[in-house]
Amino acid sequence: MDVRRNEQHFALKFCFRLKISTTEAYVMLQEDYGGCVLPYSIARRWFKIFKKGRQLISKEGVPGAPVTALTEVIINIAAVIVREDRRITLRDLSEKQNISLG
């Protein structure tokens, strides 16, 4: 998370704790950050995450996030499966290894 995004995260978290609405909090961010404000959709998503009780926003499951399923063990198992059946689809391979298709 870059510095401005990190600052906005904590500003929104503070507003959430003060029970300020997402819209009001976003207007305050716009006044402070101007053209560098994050998109409203992200602010809304963060408020939903705060309501669920999460404290930190991490990059889980977003483009550019670290790939946790890509390990030597997973790669080796996939290689064995593909050698046994070269016509296996990616969907079948992901189901056999219990990892996401993406």
PDB file of N, CA and C in Angstrom:
ATOM      1  N   MET A   1       0.844  -1.170   0.000  1.00  0.00           N
ATOM      2  CA  MET A   1       0.000   0.000   0.000  1.00  0.00           C
ATOM      3  C   MET A   1       0.888   1.231   0.000  1.00  0.00           C
ATOM      4  N   ASP A   2       0.680   2.130  -0.959  1.00  0.00           N
ATOM      5  CA  ASP A   2       1.505   3.331  -0.963  1.00  0.00           C
ATOM      6  C   ASP A   2       1.070   4.262   0.171  1.00  0.00           C
ATOM      7  N   VAL A   3       1.867   5.299   0.412  1.00  0.00           N
ATOM      8  CA  VAL A   3       1.667   6.157   1.580  1.00  0.00           C
ATOM      9  C   VAL A   3       0.306   6.841   1.556  1.00  0.00           C
ATOM     10  N   ARG A   4      -0.072   7.446   0.431  1.00  0.00           N
ATOM     11  CA  ARG A   4      -1.361   8.158   0.364  1.00  0.00           C
ATOM     12  C   ARG A   4      -2.532   7.200   0.576  1.00  0.00           C
ATOM     13  N   ARG A   5      -2.461   6.035  -0.013  1.00  0.00           N
ATOM     14  CA  ARG A   5      -3.529   5.043   0.141  1.00  0.00           C
ATOM     15  C   ARG A   5      -3.602   4.587   1.603  1.00  0.00           C
ATOM     16  N   ASN A   6      -2.443   4.411   2.204  1.00  0.00           N
ATOM     17  CA  ASN A   6      -2.370   4.006   3.600  1.00  0.00           C
ATOM     18  C   ASN A   6      -2.990   5.089   4.495  1.00  0.00           C
ATOM     19  N   GLU A   7      -2.658   6.345   4.226  1.00  0.00           N
ATOM     20  CA  GLU A   7      -3.230   7.456   4.994  1.00  0.00           C
ATOM     21  C   GLU A   7      -4.747   7.479   4.860  1.00  0.00           C
ATOM     22  N   GLN A   8      -5.234   7.297   3.640  1.00  0.00           N
ATOM     23  CA  GLN A   8      -6.675   7.327   3.400  1.00  0.00           C
ATOM     24  C   GLN A   8      -7.363   6.148   4.086  1.00  0.00           C
ATOM     25  N   HIS A   9      -6.684   5.012   4.124  1.00  0.00           N
ATOM     26  CA  HIS A   9      -7.226   3.848   4.817  1.00  0.00           C
ATOM     27  C   HIS A   9      -7.483   4.184   6.283  1.00  0.00           C
ATOM     28  N   PHE A  10      -6.480   4.773   6.933  1.00  0.00           N
ATOM     29  CA  PHE A  10      -6.632   5.088   8.355  1.00  0.00           C
ATOM     30  C   PHE A  10      -7.624   6.221   8.586  1.00  0.00           C
ATOM     31  N   ALA A  11      -7.693   7.167   7.637  1.00  0.00           N
ATOM     32  CA  ALA A  11      -8.678   8.244   7.761  1.00  0.00           C
ATOM     33  C   ALA A  11     -10.098   7.665   7.677  1.00  0.00           C
ATOM     34  N   LEU A  12     -10.312   6.756   6.748  1.00  0.00           N
ATOM     35  CA  LEU A  12     -11.631   6.127   6.617  1.00  0.00           C
ATOM     36  C   LEU A  12     -11.954   5.258   7.826  1.00  0.00           C
ATOM     37  N   LYS A  13     -10.945   4.582   8.344  1.00  0.00           N
ATOM     38  CA  LYS A  13     -11.160   3.758   9.530  1.00  0.00           C
ATOM     39  C   LYS A  13     -11.572   4.639  10.716  1.00  0.00           C
ATOM     40  N   PHE A  14     -10.928   5.792  10.841  1.00  0.00           N
ATOM     41  CA  PHE A  14     -11.264   6.734  11.905  1.00  0.00           C
ATOM     42  C   PHE A  14     -12.708   7.229  11.742  1.00  0.00           C
ATOM     43  N   CYS A  15     -13.076   7.585  10.512  1.00  0.00           N
ATOM     44  CA  CYS A  15     -14.446   8.039  10.242  1.00  0.00           C
ATOM     45  C   CYS A  15     -15.454   6.936  10.550  1.00  0.00           C
ATOM     46  N   PHE A  16     -15.112   5.702  10.201  1.00  0.00           N
ATOM     47  CA  PHE A  16     -15.996   4.574  10.477  1.00  0.00           C
ATOM     48  C   PHE A  16     -16.235   4.448  11.974  1.00  0.00           C
ATOM     49  N   ARG A  17     -15.173   4.566  12.756  1.00  0.00           N
ATOM     50  CA  ARG A  17     -15.311   4.455  14.207  1.00  0.00           C
ATOM     51  C   ARG A  17     -16.128   5.596  14.803  1.00  0.00           C
ATOM     52  N   LEU A  18     -16.107   6.748  14.137  1.00  0.00           N
ATOM     53  CA  LEU A  18     -16.922   7.888  14.588  1.00  0.00           C
ATOM     54  C   LEU A  18     -18.357   7.804  14.062  1.00  0.00           C
ATOM     55  N   LYS A  19     -18.658   6.708  13.358  1.00  0.00           N
ATOM     56  CA  LYS A  19     -19.986   6.464  12.789  1.00  0.00           C
ATOM     57  C   LYS A  19     -20.386   7.514  11.751  1.00  0.00           C
ATOM     58  N   ILE A  20     -19.398   7.995  11.002  1.00  0.00           N
ATOM     59  CA  ILE A  20     -19.633   8.903   9.882  1.00  0.00           C
ATOM     60  C   ILE A  20     -19.951   8.029   8.669  1.00  0.00           C
ATOM     61  N   SER A  21     -20.898   8.446   7.864  1.00  0.00           N
ATOM     62  CA  SER A  21     -21.285   7.641   6.711  1.00  0.00           C
ATOM     63  C   SER A  21     -20.154   7.589   5.683  1.00  0.00           C
ATOM     64  N   THR A  22     -20.222   6.600   4.821  1.00  0.00           N
ATOM     65  CA  THR A  22     -19.217   6.443   3.777  1.00  0.00           C
ATOM     66  C   THR A  22     -19.162   7.674   2.887  1.00  0.00           C
ATOM     67  N   THR A  23     -20.318   8.192   2.521  1.00  0.00           N
ATOM     68  CA  THR A  23     -20.385   9.357   1.641  1.00  0.00           C
ATOM     69  C   THR A  23     -19.756  10.579   2.291  1.00  0.00           C
ATOM     70  N   GLU A  24     -20.091  10.833   3.545  1.00  0.00           N
ATOM     71  CA  GLU A  24     -19.519  11.977   4.245  1.00  0.00           C
ATOM     72  C   GLU A  24     -18.004  11.833   4.397  1.00  0.00           C
ATOM     73  N   ALA A  25     -17.561  10.635   4.725  1.00  0.00           N
ATOM     74  CA  ALA A  25     -16.133  10.388   4.873  1.00  0.00           C
ATOM     75  C   ALA A  25     -15.412  10.602   3.545  1.00  0.00           C
ATOM     76  N   TYR A  26     -16.033  10.166   2.459  1.00  0.00           N
ATOM     77  CA  TYR A  26     -15.412  10.316   1.141  1.00  0.00           C
ATOM     78  C   TYR A  26     -15.317  11.785   0.744  1.00  0.00           C
ATOM     79  N   VAL A  27     -16.341  12.560   1.074  1.00  0.00           N
ATOM     80  CA  VAL A  27     -16.304  13.997   0.786  1.00  0.00           C
ATOM     81  C   VAL A  27     -15.133  14.647   1.525  1.00  0.00           C
ATOM     82  N   MET A  28     -14.910  14.246   2.769  1.00  0.00           N
ATOM     83  CA  MET A  28     -13.778  14.782   3.534  1.00  0.00           C
ATOM     84  C   MET A  28     -12.448  14.395   2.894  1.00  0.00           C
ATOM     85  N   LEU A  29     -12.353  13.147   2.408  1.00  0.00           N
ATOM     86  CA  LEU A  29     -11.136  12.722   1.727  1.00  0.00           C
ATOM     87  C   LEU A  29     -10.893  13.560   0.471  1.00  0.00           C
ATOM     88  N   GLN A  30     -11.951  13.815  -0.284  1.00  0.00           N
ATOM     89  CA  GLN A  30     -11.824  14.614  -1.496  1.00  0.00           C
ATOM     90  C   GLN A  30     -11.315  16.016  -1.171  1.00  0.00           C
ATOM     91  N   GLU A  31     -11.816  16.600  -0.086  1.00  0.00           N
ATOM     92  CA  GLU A  31     -11.383  17.941   0.310  1.00  0.00           C
ATOM     93  C   GLU A  31      -9.901  17.937   0.673  1.00  0.00           C
ATOM     94  N   ASP A  32      -9.444  16.885   1.318  1.00  0.00           N
ATOM     95  CA  ASP A  32      -8.064  16.834   1.778  1.00  0.00           C
ATOM     96  C   ASP A  32      -7.098  16.386   0.686  1.00  0.00           C
ATOM     97  N   TYR A  33      -7.448  15.347  -0.078  1.00  0.00           N
ATOM     98  CA  TYR A  33      -6.525  14.769  -1.045  1.00  0.00           C
ATOM     99  C   TYR A  33      -6.736  15.253  -2.467  1.00  0.00           C
ATOM    100  N   GLY A  34      -7.830  15.932  -2.737  1.00  0.00           N
ATOM    101  CA  GLY A  34      -8.081  16.462  -4.073  1.00  0.00           C
ATOM    102  C   GLY A  34      -8.109  15.385  -5.129  1.00  0.00           C
ATOM    103  N   GLY A  35      -7.267  15.542  -6.141  1.00  0.00           N
ATOM    104  CA  GLY A  35      -7.238  14.608  -7.261  1.00  0.00           C
ATOM    105  C   GLY A  35      -6.565  13.285  -6.949  1.00  0.00           C
ATOM    106  N   CYS A  36      -5.936  13.169  -5.794  1.00  0.00           N
ATOM    107  CA  CYS A  36      -5.234  11.927  -5.434  1.00  0.00           C
ATOM    108  C   CYS A  36      -6.080  11.019  -4.549  1.00  0.00           C
ATOM    109  N   VAL A  37      -7.369  11.307  -4.459  1.00  0.00           N
ATOM    110  CA  VAL A  37      -8.242  10.505  -3.602  1.00  0.00           C
ATOM    111  C   VAL A  37      -8.526   9.165  -4.278  1.00  0.00           C
ATOM    112  N   LEU A  38      -8.665   8.142  -3.462  1.00  0.00           N
ATOM    113  CA  LEU A  38      -8.972   6.817  -4.000  1.00  0.00           C
ATOM    114  C   LEU A  38     -10.401   6.784  -4.523  1.00  0.00           C
ATOM    115  N   PRO A  39     -10.743   5.836  -5.375  1.00  0.00           N
ATOM    116  CA  PRO A  39     -12.105   5.763  -5.906  1.00  0.00           C
ATOM    117  C   PRO A  39     -13.137   5.495  -4.804  1.00  0.00           C
ATOM    118  N   TYR A  40     -14.338   6.016  -5.001  1.00  0.00           N
ATOM    119  CA  TYR A  40     -15.412   5.852  -4.020  1.00  0.00           C
ATOM    120  C   TYR A  40     -15.728   4.374  -3.799  1.00  0.00           C
ATOM    121  N   SER A  41     -15.640   3.571  -4.848  1.00  0.00           N
ATOM    122  CA  SER A  41     -15.951   2.140  -4.715  1.00  0.00           C
ATOM    123  C   SER A  41     -15.017   1.462  -3.718  1.00  0.00           C
ATOM    124  N   ILE A  42     -13.770   1.877  -3.679  1.00  0.00           N
ATOM    125  CA  ILE A  42     -12.824   1.301  -2.720  1.00  0.00           C
ATOM    126  C   ILE A  42     -13.178   1.741  -1.310  1.00  0.00           C
ATOM    127  N   ALA A  43     -13.515   3.022  -1.138  1.00  0.00           N
ATOM    128  CA  ALA A  43     -13.907   3.514   0.188  1.00  0.00           C
ATOM    129  C   ALA A  43     -15.118   2.739   0.695  1.00  0.00           C
ATOM    130  N   ARG A  44     -16.085   2.516  -0.177  1.00  0.00           N
ATOM    131  CA  ARG A  44     -17.283   1.770   0.201  1.00  0.00           C
ATOM    132  C   ARG A  44     -16.928   0.329   0.588  1.00  0.00           C
ATOM    133  N   ARG A  45     -16.027  -0.290  -0.189  1.00  0.00           N
ATOM    134  CA  ARG A  45     -15.605  -1.662   0.105  1.00  0.00           C
ATOM    135  C   ARG A  45     -14.893  -1.721   1.456  1.00  0.00           C
ATOM    136  N   TRP A  46     -14.048  -0.728   1.750  1.00  0.00           N
ATOM    137  CA  TRP A  46     -13.342  -0.713   3.021  1.00  0.00           C
ATOM    138  C   TRP A  46     -14.309  -0.574   4.184  1.00  0.00           C
ATOM    139  N   PHE A  47     -15.344   0.256   4.028  1.00  0.00           N
ATOM    140  CA  PHE A  47     -16.336   0.397   5.095  1.00  0.00           C
ATOM    141  C   PHE A  47     -17.021  -0.945   5.358  1.00  0.00           C
ATOM    142  N   LYS A  48     -17.330  -1.686   4.296  1.00  0.00           N
ATOM    143  CA  LYS A  48     -17.940  -3.006   4.475  1.00  0.00           C
ATOM    144  C   LYS A  48     -16.999  -3.943   5.221  1.00  0.00           C
ATOM    145  N   ILE A  49     -15.718  -3.868   4.906  1.00  0.00           N
ATOM    146  CA  ILE A  49     -14.726  -4.706   5.583  1.00  0.00           C
ATOM    147  C   ILE A  49     -14.642  -4.339   7.055  1.00  0.00           C
ATOM    148  N   PHE A  50     -14.677  -3.033   7.360  1.00  0.00           N
ATOM    149  CA  PHE A  50     -14.638  -2.593   8.757  1.00  0.00           C
ATOM    150  C   PHE A  50     -15.875  -3.096   9.511  1.00  0.00           C
ATOM    151  N   LYS A  51     -17.029  -3.096   8.847  1.00  0.00           N
ATOM    152  CA  LYS A  51     -18.251  -3.586   9.494  1.00  0.00           C
ATOM    153  C   LYS A  51     -18.141  -5.068   9.859  1.00  0.00           C
ATOM    154  N   LYS A  52     -17.373  -5.814   9.064  1.00  0.00           N
ATOM    155  CA  LYS A  52     -17.184  -7.241   9.338  1.00  0.00           C
ATOM    156  C   LYS A  52     -16.191  -7.473  10.467  1.00  0.00           C
ATOM    157  N   GLY A  53     -15.540  -6.414  10.935  1.00  0.00           N
ATOM    158  CA  GLY A  53     -14.630  -6.542  12.060  1.00  0.00           C
ATOM    159  C   GLY A  53     -13.161  -6.593  11.706  1.00  0.00           C
ATOM    160  N   ARG A  54     -12.851  -6.600  10.417  1.00  0.00           N
ATOM    161  CA  ARG A  54     -11.441  -6.595  10.024  1.00  0.00           C
ATOM    162  C   ARG A  54     -10.832  -5.238  10.297  1.00  0.00           C
ATOM    163  N   GLN A  55      -9.594  -5.224  10.727  1.00  0.00           N
ATOM    164  CA  GLN A  55      -8.925  -3.981  11.074  1.00  0.00           C
ATOM    165  C   GLN A  55      -8.003  -3.470   9.967  1.00  0.00           C
ATOM    166  N   LEU A  56      -7.386  -4.386   9.248  1.00  0.00           N
ATOM    167  CA  LEU A  56      -6.427  -3.997   8.221  1.00  0.00           C
ATOM    168  C   LEU A  56      -6.927  -4.406   6.848  1.00  0.00           C
ATOM    169  N   ILE A  57      -6.568  -3.614   5.880  1.00  0.00           N
ATOM    170  CA  ILE A  57      -6.905  -3.909   4.498  1.00  0.00           C
ATOM    171  C   ILE A  57      -5.653  -4.492   3.868  1.00  0.00           C
ATOM    172  N   SER A  58      -5.751  -5.708   3.389  1.00  0.00           N
ATOM    173  CA  SER A  58      -4.607  -6.320   2.730  1.00  0.00           C
ATOM    174  C   SER A  58      -4.955  -6.576   1.277  1.00  0.00           C
ATOM    175  N   LYS A  59      -3.964  -6.923   0.511  1.00  0.00           N
ATOM    176  CA  LYS A  59      -4.168  -7.140  -0.912  1.00  0.00           C
ATOM    177  C   LYS A  59      -4.482  -8.599  -1.214  1.00  0.00           C
ATOM    178  N   GLU A  60      -5.352  -9.201  -0.440  1.00  0.00           N
ATOM    179  CA  GLU A  60      -5.713 -10.586  -0.664  1.00  0.00           C
ATOM    180  C   GLU A  60      -6.640 -10.707  -1.853  1.00  0.00           C
ATOM    181  N   GLY A  61      -6.249 -11.495  -2.816  1.00  0.00           N
ATOM    182  CA  GLY A  61      -7.128 -11.800  -3.924  1.00  0.00           C
ATOM    183  C   GLY A  61      -7.317 -10.696  -4.938  1.00  0.00           C
ATOM    184  N   VAL A  62      -6.431  -9.720  -4.990  1.00  0.00           N
ATOM    185  CA  VAL A  62      -6.546  -8.667  -5.987  1.00  0.00           C
ATOM    186  C   VAL A  62      -5.384  -8.790  -6.950  1.00  0.00           C
ATOM    187  N   PRO A  63      -5.526  -8.230  -8.153  1.00  0.00           N
ATOM    188  CA  PRO A  63      -4.414  -8.291  -9.096  1.00  0.00           C
ATOM    189  C   PRO A  63      -3.153  -7.687  -8.481  1.00  0.00           C
ATOM    190  N   GLY A  64      -2.048  -8.373  -8.614  1.00  0.00           N
ATOM    191  CA  GLY A  64      -0.794  -7.909  -8.053  1.00  0.00           C
ATOM    192  C   GLY A  64      -0.516  -8.443  -6.663  1.00  0.00           C
ATOM    193  N   ALA A  65      -1.485  -9.134  -6.094  1.00  0.00           N
ATOM    194  CA  ALA A  65      -1.294  -9.709  -4.762  1.00  0.00           C
ATOM    195  C   ALA A  65      -0.355 -10.904  -4.860  1.00  0.00           C
ATOM    196  N   PRO A  66       0.345 -11.205  -3.782  1.00  0.00           N
ATOM    197  CA  PRO A  66       1.226 -12.361  -3.817  1.00  0.00           C
ATOM    198  C   PRO A  66       0.434 -13.651  -4.043  1.00  0.00           C
ATOM    199  N   VAL A  67       0.984 -14.520  -4.842  1.00  0.00           N
ATOM    200  CA  VAL A  67       0.325 -15.790  -5.144  1.00  0.00           C
ATOM    201  C   VAL A  67       0.740 -16.796  -4.076  1.00  0.00           C
ATOM    202  N   THR A  68      -0.217 -17.217  -3.255  1.00  0.00           N
ATOM    203  CA  THR A  68       0.113 -18.141  -2.175  1.00  0.00           C
ATOM    204  C   THR A  68      -0.001 -19.587  -2.607  1.00  0.00           C
ATOM    205  N   ALA A  69      -0.730 -19.867  -3.690  1.00  0.00           N
ATOM    206  CA  ALA A  69      -0.904 -21.248  -4.133  1.00  0.00           C
ATOM    207  C   ALA A  69       0.280 -21.726  -4.962  1.00  0.00           C
ATOM    208  N   LEU A  70       1.130 -20.806  -5.361  1.00  0.00           N
ATOM    209  CA  LEU A  70       2.253 -21.165  -6.215  1.00  0.00           C
ATOM    210  C   LEU A  70       3.449 -21.554  -5.353  1.00  0.00           C
ATOM    211  N   THR A  71       3.528 -22.827  -5.046  1.00  0.00           N
ATOM    212  CA  THR A  71       4.635 -23.353  -4.254  1.00  0.00           C
ATOM    213  C   THR A  71       5.271 -24.501  -5.026  1.00  0.00           C
ATOM    214  N   GLU A  72       6.457 -24.884  -4.613  1.00  0.00           N
ATOM    215  CA  GLU A  72       7.145 -25.996  -5.275  1.00  0.00           C
ATOM    216  C   GLU A  72       6.315 -27.281  -5.234  1.00  0.00           C
ATOM    217  N   VAL A  73       5.666 -27.525  -4.108  1.00  0.00           N
ATOM    218  CA  VAL A  73       4.862 -28.743  -3.954  1.00  0.00           C
ATOM    219  C   VAL A  73       3.707 -28.739  -4.952  1.00  0.00           C
ATOM    220  N   ILE A  74       2.981 -27.628  -5.028  1.00  0.00           N
ATOM    221  CA  ILE A  74       1.839 -27.515  -5.949  1.00  0.00           C
ATOM    222  C   ILE A  74       2.311 -27.681  -7.390  1.00  0.00           C
ATOM    223  N   ILE A  75       3.405 -27.042  -7.729  1.00  0.00           N
ATOM    224  CA  ILE A  75       3.941 -27.124  -9.098  1.00  0.00           C
ATOM    225  C   ILE A  75       4.323 -28.562  -9.436  1.00  0.00           C
ATOM    226  N   ASN A  76       4.998 -29.231  -8.523  1.00  0.00           N
ATOM    227  CA  ASN A  76       5.420 -30.613  -8.776  1.00  0.00           C
ATOM    228  C   ASN A  76       4.230 -31.561  -8.905  1.00  0.00           C
ATOM    229  N   ILE A  77       3.237 -31.382  -8.058  1.00  0.00           N
ATOM    230  CA  ILE A  77       2.032 -32.221  -8.145  1.00  0.00           C
ATOM    231  C   ILE A  77       1.326 -31.976  -9.480  1.00  0.00           C
ATOM    232  N   ALA A  78       1.235 -30.717  -9.887  1.00  0.00           N
ATOM    233  CA  ALA A  78       0.597 -30.389 -11.169  1.00  0.00           C
ATOM    234  C   ALA A  78       1.355 -31.036 -12.322  1.00  0.00           C
ATOM    235  N   ALA A  79       2.677 -31.010 -12.251  1.00  0.00           N
ATOM    236  CA  ALA A  79       3.482 -31.614 -13.313  1.00  0.00           C
ATOM    237  C   ALA A  79       3.213 -33.112 -13.425  1.00  0.00           C
ATOM    238  N   VAL A  80       3.105 -33.796 -12.299  1.00  0.00           N
ATOM    239  CA  VAL A  80       2.825 -35.234 -12.294  1.00  0.00           C
ATOM    240  C   VAL A  80       1.444 -35.506 -12.886  1.00  0.00           C
ATOM    241  N   ILE A  81       0.450 -34.711 -12.474  1.00  0.00           N
ATOM    242  CA  ILE A  81      -0.921 -34.888 -12.969  1.00  0.00           C
ATOM    243  C   ILE A  81      -0.968 -34.688 -14.482  1.00  0.00           C
ATOM    244  N   VAL A  82      -0.278 -33.660 -14.981  1.00  0.00           N
ATOM    245  CA  VAL A  82      -0.289 -33.368 -16.418  1.00  0.00           C
ATOM    246  C   VAL A  82       0.435 -34.471 -17.189  1.00  0.00           C
ATOM    247  N   ARG A  83       1.519 -35.002 -16.645  1.00  0.00           N
ATOM    248  CA  ARG A  83       2.229 -36.113 -17.319  1.00  0.00           C
ATOM    249  C   ARG A  83       1.351 -37.356 -17.427  1.00  0.00           C
ATOM    250  N   GLU A  84       0.509 -37.576 -16.408  1.00  0.00           N
ATOM    251  CA  GLU A  84      -0.381 -38.737 -16.433  1.00  0.00           C
ATOM    252  C   GLU A  84      -1.522 -38.560 -17.426  1.00  0.00           C
ATOM    253  N   ASP A  85      -2.023 -37.332 -17.558  1.00  0.00           N
ATOM    254  CA  ASP A  85      -3.149 -37.070 -18.467  1.00  0.00           C
ATOM    255  C   ASP A  85      -2.918 -35.720 -19.141  1.00  0.00           C
ATOM    256  N   ARG A  86      -2.350 -35.758 -20.344  1.00  0.00           N
ATOM    257  CA  ARG A  86      -2.004 -34.518 -21.044  1.00  0.00           C
ATOM    258  C   ARG A  86      -3.232 -33.762 -21.552  1.00  0.00           C
ATOM    259  N   ARG A  87      -4.393 -34.380 -21.516  1.00  0.00           N
ATOM    260  CA  ARG A  87      -5.615 -33.710 -21.989  1.00  0.00           C
ATOM    261  C   ARG A  87      -6.413 -33.079 -20.849  1.00  0.00           C
ATOM    262  N   ILE A  88      -5.850 -33.028 -19.657  1.00  0.00           N
ATOM    263  CA  ILE A  88      -6.553 -32.464 -18.502  1.00  0.00           C
ATOM    264  C   ILE A  88      -6.752 -30.956 -18.710  1.00  0.00           C
ATOM    265  N   THR A  89      -7.900 -30.486 -18.315  1.00  0.00           N
ATOM    266  CA  THR A  89      -8.172 -29.047 -18.433  1.00  0.00           C
ATOM    267  C   THR A  89      -7.658 -28.318 -17.197  1.00  0.00           C
ATOM    268  N   LEU A  90      -7.485 -27.014 -17.331  1.00  0.00           N
ATOM    269  CA  LEU A  90      -7.053 -26.213 -16.188  1.00  0.00           C
ATOM    270  C   LEU A  90      -8.071 -26.274 -15.055  1.00  0.00           C
ATOM    271  N   ARG A  91      -9.340 -26.302 -15.423  1.00  0.00           N
ATOM    272  CA  ARG A  91     -10.394 -26.389 -14.411  1.00  0.00           C
ATOM    273  C   ARG A  91     -10.268 -27.683 -13.604  1.00  0.00           C
ATOM    274  N   ASP A  92     -10.074 -28.801 -14.296  1.00  0.00           N
ATOM    275  CA  ASP A  92      -9.921 -30.081 -13.603  1.00  0.00           C
ATOM    276  C   ASP A  92      -8.662 -30.092 -12.736  1.00  0.00           C
ATOM    277  N   LEU A  93      -7.581 -29.520 -13.274  1.00  0.00           N
ATOM    278  CA  LEU A  93      -6.330 -29.462 -12.523  1.00  0.00           C
ATOM    279  C   LEU A  93      -6.484 -28.636 -11.249  1.00  0.00           C
ATOM    280  N   SER A  94      -7.171 -27.491 -11.354  1.00  0.00           N
ATOM    281  CA  SER A  94      -7.366 -26.650 -10.167  1.00  0.00           C
ATOM    282  C   SER A  94      -8.262 -27.343  -9.142  1.00  0.00           C
ATOM    283  N   GLU A  95      -9.276 -28.080  -9.614  1.00  0.00           N
ATOM    284  CA  GLU A  95     -10.153 -28.808  -8.693  1.00  0.00           C
ATOM    285  C   GLU A  95      -9.402 -29.938  -7.981  1.00  0.00           C
ATOM    286  N   LYS A  96      -8.550 -30.637  -8.719  1.00  0.00           N
ATOM    287  CA  LYS A  96      -7.792 -31.740  -8.114  1.00  0.00           C
ATOM    288  C   LYS A  96      -6.836 -31.225  -7.037  1.00  0.00           C
ATOM    289  N   GLN A  97      -6.313 -30.029  -7.232  1.00  0.00           N
ATOM    290  CA  GLN A  97      -5.349 -29.480  -6.279  1.00  0.00           C
ATOM    291  C   GLN A  97      -5.998 -28.540  -5.265  1.00  0.00           C
ATOM    292  N   ASN A  98      -7.291 -28.334  -5.403  1.00  0.00           N
ATOM    293  CA  ASN A  98      -8.035 -27.462  -4.495  1.00  0.00           C
ATOM    294  C   ASN A  98      -7.450 -26.048  -4.458  1.00  0.00           C
ATOM    295  N   ILE A  99      -7.174 -25.499  -5.654  1.00  0.00           N
ATOM    296  CA  ILE A  99      -6.725 -24.117  -5.764  1.00  0.00           C
ATOM    297  C   ILE A  99      -7.612 -23.406  -6.768  1.00  0.00           C
ATOM    298  N   SER A 100      -7.590 -22.079  -6.761  1.00  0.00           N
ATOM    299  CA  SER A 100      -8.445 -21.324  -7.673  1.00  0.00           C
ATOM    300  C   SER A 100      -7.952 -21.456  -9.098  1.00  0.00           C
ATOM    301  N   LEU A 101      -8.860 -21.291 -10.021  1.00  0.00           N
ATOM    302  CA  LEU A 101      -8.529 -21.389 -11.433  1.00  0.00           C
ATOM    303  C   LEU A 101      -7.635 -20.232 -11.860  1.00  0.00           C
ATOM    304  N   GLY A 102      -7.834 -19.072 -11.262  1.00  0.00           N
ATOM    305  CA  GLY A 102      -7.059 -17.881 -11.626  1.00  0.00           C
ATOM    306  C   GLY A 102      -5.643 -17.997 -11.201  1.00  0.00           C
TER     307      GLY A 102
END
